C-alpha atoms as a PDB file:
ATOM      1  CA  MET A   1     161.509  78.024-116.854  1.00  0.00           C
ATOM      2  CA  GLU A   2     160.256  75.687-119.577  1.00  0.00           C
ATOM      3  CA  LYS A   3     163.622  74.617-120.933  1.00  0.00           C
ATOM      4  CA  SER A   4     167.284  75.123-120.259  1.00  0.00           C
ATOM      5  CA  VAL A   5     170.056  75.151-122.825  1.00  0.00           C
ATOM      6  CA  LYS A   6     173.669  74.332-122.025  1.00  0.00           C
ATOM      7  CA  VAL A   7     176.563  74.643-124.464  1.00  0.00           C
ATOM      8  CA  TYR A   8     178.358  71.322-124.783  1.00  0.00           C
ATOM      9  CA  GLY A   9     181.263  72.338-127.020  1.00  0.00           C
ATOM     10  CA  ASN A  10     182.550  74.316-129.984  1.00  0.00           C
ATOM     11  CA  VAL A  11     184.742  73.637-132.964  1.00  0.00           C
ATOM     12  CA  ALA A  12     186.150  75.912-135.669  1.00  0.00           C
ATOM     13  CA  ILE A  13     186.655  74.567-139.170  1.00  0.00           C
ATOM     14  CA  THR A  14     189.240  76.351-141.288  1.00  0.00           C
ATOM     15  CA  ASP A  15     189.821  73.932-144.132  1.00  0.00           C
ATOM     16  CA  CYS A  16     186.855  72.601-146.044  1.00  0.00           C
ATOM     17  CA  ILE A  17     185.308  72.828-149.485  1.00  0.00           C
ATOM     18  CA  THR A  18     182.764  75.464-148.433  1.00  0.00           C
ATOM     19  CA  GLU A  19     183.472  78.677-150.296  1.00  0.00           C
ATOM     20  CA  GLY A  20     184.954  81.405-148.119  1.00  0.00           C
ATOM     21  CA  VAL A  21     185.974  79.195-145.199  1.00  0.00           C
ATOM     22  CA  THR A  22     189.607  79.943-144.381  1.00  0.00           C
ATOM     23  CA  LYS A  23     191.823  80.365-141.339  1.00  0.00           C
ATOM     24  CA  GLU A  24     190.931  84.045-141.385  1.00  0.00           C
ATOM     25  CA  PHE A  25     187.191  83.326-141.731  1.00  0.00           C
ATOM     26  CA  PRO A  26     186.459  79.961-140.064  1.00  0.00           C
ATOM     27  CA  MET A  27     183.136  78.152-139.868  1.00  0.00           C
ATOM     28  CA  ASN A  28     182.162  77.833-136.200  1.00  0.00           C
ATOM     29  CA  LEU A  29     179.989  75.020-134.878  1.00  0.00           C
ATOM     30  CA  GLU A  30     178.397  75.168-131.432  1.00  0.00           C
ATOM     31  CA  TYR A  31     176.767  72.068-129.941  1.00  0.00           C
ATOM     32  CA  TYR A  32     174.251  72.329-127.120  1.00  0.00           C
ATOM     33  CA  LYS A  33     171.996  70.238-124.913  1.00  0.00           C
ATOM     34  CA  ILE A  34     168.352  71.038-124.183  1.00  0.00           C
ATOM     35  CA  HIS A  35     166.534  70.002-121.014  1.00  0.00           C
ATOM     36  CA  ASN A  36     162.773  70.423-121.409  1.00  0.00           C
ATOM     37  CA  ARG A  37     160.753  70.889-118.260  1.00  0.00           C
ATOM     38  CA  ILE A  38     157.328  71.100-119.865  1.00  0.00           C
ATOM     39  CA  ILE A  39     155.358  67.869-120.042  1.00  0.00           C
ATOM     40  CA  GLN A  40     155.157  67.417-123.807  1.00  0.00           C
ATOM     41  CA  ASN A  41     156.989  64.138-123.581  1.00  0.00           C
ATOM     42  CA  GLU A  42     158.077  63.435-120.016  1.00  0.00           C
ATOM     43  CA  ASP A  43     159.762  60.160-121.043  1.00  0.00           C
ATOM     44  CA  LYS A  44     162.268  62.039-123.207  1.00  0.00           C
ATOM     45  CA  PRO A  45     163.111  65.423-121.669  1.00  0.00           C
ATOM     46  CA  TYR A  46     166.486  65.912-123.427  1.00  0.00           C
ATOM     47  CA  GLY A  47     167.327  67.219-126.854  1.00  0.00           C
ATOM     48  CA  ILE A  48     170.283  68.618-128.765  1.00  0.00           C
ATOM     49  CA  GLY A  49     171.102  71.308-131.275  1.00  0.00           C
ATOM     50  CA  ILE A  50     173.834  72.740-133.469  1.00  0.00           C
ATOM     51  CA  ILE A  51     174.440  76.338-134.559  1.00  0.00           C
ATOM     52  CA  LYS A  52     176.782  77.055-137.468  1.00  0.00           C
ATOM     53  CA  THR A  53     178.097  80.587-137.973  1.00  0.00           C
ATOM     54  CA  HIS A  54     180.383  81.925-140.646  1.00  0.00           C
ATOM     55  CA  LYS A  55     181.533  85.531-140.919  1.00  0.00           C
ATOM     56  CA  ASP A  56     183.511  87.077-143.716  1.00  0.00           C
ATOM     57  CA  LYS A  57     184.314  90.706-144.531  1.00  0.00           C
ATOM     58  CA  THR A  58     180.752  91.618-145.481  1.00  0.00           C
ATOM     59  CA  GLU A  59     178.309  88.936-144.334  1.00  0.00           C
ATOM     60  CA  THR A  60     177.422  86.697-141.402  1.00  0.00           C
ATOM     61  CA  THR A  61     175.506  83.495-142.064  1.00  0.00           C
ATOM     62  CA  ILE A  62     173.836  81.447-139.350  1.00  0.00           C
ATOM     63  CA  GLU A  63     172.334  77.978-139.655  1.00  0.00           C
ATOM     64  CA  LYS A  64     170.637  76.125-136.805  1.00  0.00           C
ATOM     65  CA  SER A  65     169.066  72.726-136.243  1.00  0.00           C
ATOM     66  CA  GLU A  66     167.469  71.625-132.965  1.00  0.00           C
ATOM     67  CA  PHE A  67     165.578  68.538-131.814  1.00  0.00           C
ATOM     68  CA  SER A  68     163.765  68.340-128.476  1.00  0.00           C
ATOM     69  CA  HIS A  69     162.344  65.345-126.614  1.00  0.00           C
ATOM     70  CA  ILE A  70     164.573  62.658-128.154  1.00  0.00           C
ATOM     71  CA  PHE A  71     166.585  61.278-125.202  1.00  0.00           C
ATOM     72  CA  LYS A  72     165.400  59.733-121.940  1.00  0.00           C
ATOM     73  CA  GLN A  73     168.601  60.356-120.014  1.00  0.00           C
ATOM     74  CA  GLU A  74     171.049  63.223-119.967  1.00  0.00           C
ATOM     75  CA  LYS A  75     173.943  60.800-120.523  1.00  0.00           C
ATOM     76  CA  GLU A  76     172.405  59.741-123.873  1.00  0.00           C
ATOM     77  CA  ALA A  77     172.324  63.382-125.020  1.00  0.00           C
ATOM     78  CA  ASP A  78     175.915  63.899-123.834  1.00  0.00           C
ATOM     79  CA  ASN A  79     177.109  60.801-125.715  1.00  0.00           C
ATOM     80  CA  MET A  80     175.439  61.971-128.930  1.00  0.00           C
ATOM     81  CA  LEU A  81     176.894  65.472-128.559  1.00  0.00           C
ATOM     82  CA  LYS A  82     180.353  63.993-128.031  1.00  0.00           C
ATOM     83  CA  LEU A  83     179.998  62.010-131.263  1.00  0.00           C
ATOM     84  CA  LEU A  84     178.676  65.012-133.220  1.00  0.00           C
ATOM     85  CA  LEU A  85     181.460  67.280-131.975  1.00  0.00           C
ATOM     86  CA  LYS A  86     184.161  64.710-132.735  1.00  0.00           C
ATOM     87  CA  ASN A  87     182.900  64.366-136.312  1.00  0.00           C
ATOM     88  CA  LYS A  88     182.198  68.089-136.825  1.00  0.00           C
ATOM     89  CA  VAL A  89     178.587  67.493-137.837  1.00  0.00           C
ATOM     90  CA  THR A  90     176.779  70.521-139.265  1.00  0.00           C
ATOM     91  CA  PRO A  91     173.131  71.484-138.709  1.00  0.00           C
ATOM     92  CA  MET A  92     172.250  70.320-142.215  1.00  0.00           C
ATOM     93  CA  SER A  93     173.258  66.723-141.406  1.00  0.00           C
ATOM     94  CA  LEU A  94     171.833  66.515-137.884  1.00  0.00           C
ATOM     95  CA  ARG A  95     168.376  65.197-138.849  1.00  0.00           C
ATOM     96  CA  TYR A  96     169.802  62.369-140.960  1.00  0.00           C
ATOM     97  CA  ILE A  97     172.205  61.274-138.245  1.00  0.00           C
ATOM     98  CA  LEU A  98     169.484  61.296-135.578  1.00  0.00           C
ATOM     99  CA  GLU A  99     167.173  59.314-137.863  1.00  0.00           C
ATOM    100  CA  ASP A 100     169.853  56.643-138.239  1.00  0.00           C
ATOM    101  CA  VAL A 101     171.037  56.553-134.628  1.00  0.00           C
ATOM    102  CA  VAL A 102     167.942  57.189-132.489  1.00  0.00           C
ATOM    103  CA  GLY A 103     165.129  56.811-134.992  1.00  0.00           C
ATOM    104  CA  ILE A 104     163.500  60.226-134.777  1.00  0.00           C
END
């Protein structure tokens, strides 16, 4: 197995300015941790990702952002995921946050 993926947490957003997001049709965010076992960058085997899904009566939209090989230790990835989950960060913002925090 080259990499393993483990779900860290989920959050549903029901009240935001995004059109169509309601209590009946929430935006769901899933945060996950990646552990890479291939030797692309053995100093930083951990990464993270976010998947956003939104379903309404007629359509399902999915947005995903994932970054591998950015953390040396699993605890660093867990701490970042905790922060992202707490602040309900979407895939669109993930790159900018990682650039500021870990300098990707």
